[in-house]
Protein backbone atom coordinates (compact mmCIF):
# COMPACT_ATOMS: atom_id res chain seq x y z
CA UNK A 1 -11.98 6.09 24.91
CA UNK A 2 -8.34 5.34 23.39
CA UNK A 3 -6.85 7.70 20.71
CA UNK A 4 -3.76 6.77 19.31
CA UNK A 5 -3.50 5.21 15.65
CA UNK A 6 -0.86 2.29 15.58
CA UNK A 7 1.80 2.30 12.74
CA UNK A 8 2.39 -1.06 10.86
CA UNK A 9 6.24 -1.82 10.15
CA UNK A 10 7.75 0.26 7.88
CA UNK A 11 7.98 -2.64 5.62
CA UNK A 12 4.31 -2.87 5.05
CA UNK A 13 4.11 1.07 3.97
CA UNK A 14 7.26 0.06 1.02
CA UNK A 15 5.83 -3.06 0.18
CA UNK A 16 2.07 -1.74 -0.26
CA UNK A 17 2.32 1.55 -1.57
CA UNK A 18 5.30 0.24 -3.80
CA UNK A 19 3.06 -2.57 -5.01
CA UNK A 20 0.19 -0.29 -5.56
CA UNK A 21 2.00 2.22 -7.61
CA UNK A 22 3.92 -0.68 -9.58
CA UNK A 23 0.52 -2.56 -10.58
CA UNK A 24 -0.73 0.96 -11.66
CA UNK A 25 2.27 1.86 -13.64
CA UNK A 26 2.11 -1.29 -15.61
CA UNK A 27 -1.68 -1.31 -15.73
CA UNK A 28 -1.97 1.90 -17.33
CA UNK A 29 1.34 3.33 -18.70
CA UNK A 30 2.65 1.67 -21.99
CA UNK A 31 6.12 2.17 -21.11
CA UNK A 32 5.44 0.13 -18.04
CA UNK A 33 3.75 -2.35 -19.66
CA UNK A 34 6.38 -2.89 -22.12
CA UNK A 35 9.17 -3.31 -19.74
CA UNK A 36 6.79 -5.84 -17.72
CA UNK A 37 6.80 -7.82 -21.15
CA UNK A 38 10.62 -7.52 -21.69
CA UNK A 39 11.31 -8.40 -18.19
CA UNK A 40 8.95 -10.90 -16.97
CA UNK A 41 5.97 -11.90 -19.17
CA UNK A 42 4.04 -10.91 -22.20
CA UNK A 43 1.55 -13.78 -21.43
CA UNK A 44 -1.03 -11.16 -19.40
CA UNK A 45 -2.60 -8.44 -21.03
CA UNK A 46 -2.66 -4.89 -19.82
CA UNK A 47 -5.89 -5.25 -19.15
CA UNK A 48 -5.57 -8.25 -16.65
CA UNK A 49 -3.49 -5.43 -14.71
CA UNK A 50 -5.92 -2.26 -14.98
CA UNK A 51 -8.54 -5.14 -13.58
CA UNK A 52 -6.35 -5.96 -10.88
CA UNK A 53 -5.57 -2.32 -10.00
CA UNK A 54 -9.39 -1.29 -9.72
CA UNK A 55 -10.02 -4.64 -7.82
CA UNK A 56 -7.58 -3.91 -5.47
CA UNK A 57 -8.32 -0.02 -4.78
CA UNK A 58 -12.22 -1.06 -4.46
CA UNK A 59 -10.80 -3.70 -1.68
CA UNK A 60 -8.83 -0.83 0.10
CA UNK A 61 -12.06 1.56 -0.01
CA UNK A 62 -13.86 -1.16 1.46
CA UNK A 63 -11.55 -1.98 4.45
CA UNK A 64 -11.20 1.77 4.83
CA UNK A 65 -14.75 2.18 5.29
CA UNK A 66 -15.10 -1.09 7.97
CA UNK A 67 -12.28 0.41 9.72
CA UNK A 68 -13.84 3.57 10.05
CA UNK A 69 -16.96 1.97 11.70
CA UNK A 70 -15.03 -0.56 13.70
CA UNK A 71 -13.04 2.33 15.08
CA UNK A 72 -16.21 4.17 15.67
CA UNK A 73 -18.11 1.24 17.40
CA UNK A 74 -14.69 0.70 19.38
CA UNK A 75 -14.99 4.15 20.91
CA UNK A 76 -11.72 5.15 19.14
CA UNK A 77 -11.29 8.77 18.54
CA UNK A 78 -8.86 8.38 15.94
CA UNK A 79 -11.74 6.87 13.35
CA UNK A 80 -10.63 8.79 10.45
CA UNK A 81 -6.94 8.63 10.91
CA UNK A 82 -7.60 4.50 10.93
CA UNK A 83 -9.52 4.66 8.01
CA UNK A 84 -6.88 7.01 6.39
CA UNK A 85 -4.30 4.29 7.12
CA UNK A 86 -6.18 1.42 6.14
CA UNK A 87 -7.36 2.91 2.66
CA UNK A 88 -3.34 3.09 2.08
CA UNK A 89 -2.34 -0.06 3.54
CA UNK A 90 -5.36 -2.38 3.63
CA UNK A 91 -4.94 -5.37 5.79
CA UNK A 92 -1.88 -4.39 7.44
CA UNK A 93 -3.79 -1.50 8.91
CA UNK A 94 -6.86 -3.28 9.48
CA UNK A 95 -5.28 -6.23 11.59
CA UNK A 96 -3.79 -3.57 13.93
CA UNK A 97 -7.12 -2.04 14.41
CA UNK A 98 -9.04 -5.29 14.90
CA UNK A 99 -6.64 -6.09 17.86
CA UNK A 100 -6.92 -2.54 19.33
CA UNK A 101 -10.67 -2.55 19.23
CA UNK A 102 -10.65 -6.26 20.84
CA UNK A 103 -9.11 -4.28 24.15
């Protein structure tokens, strides 16, 4: 039984947490959406950003549930930590977990 969680490169943490935070800010803040319209484009309604945020959140949640199941099935003691990391990072964490489970 193995136990340690492998951490993705810090760039993944910055990109994914930053991207999800920025998407949430644009999706749910009038100021964020207004700045997006001024700096990028006004062709996307704010509702599209809300949809993107909720869809991405749901995907991360499903990936976290799968990560927990995969870590448990693979005999990894750190299933909860893998699941939490995958909830935050999604694919970047799940990819490492799949490699660890294959060993």
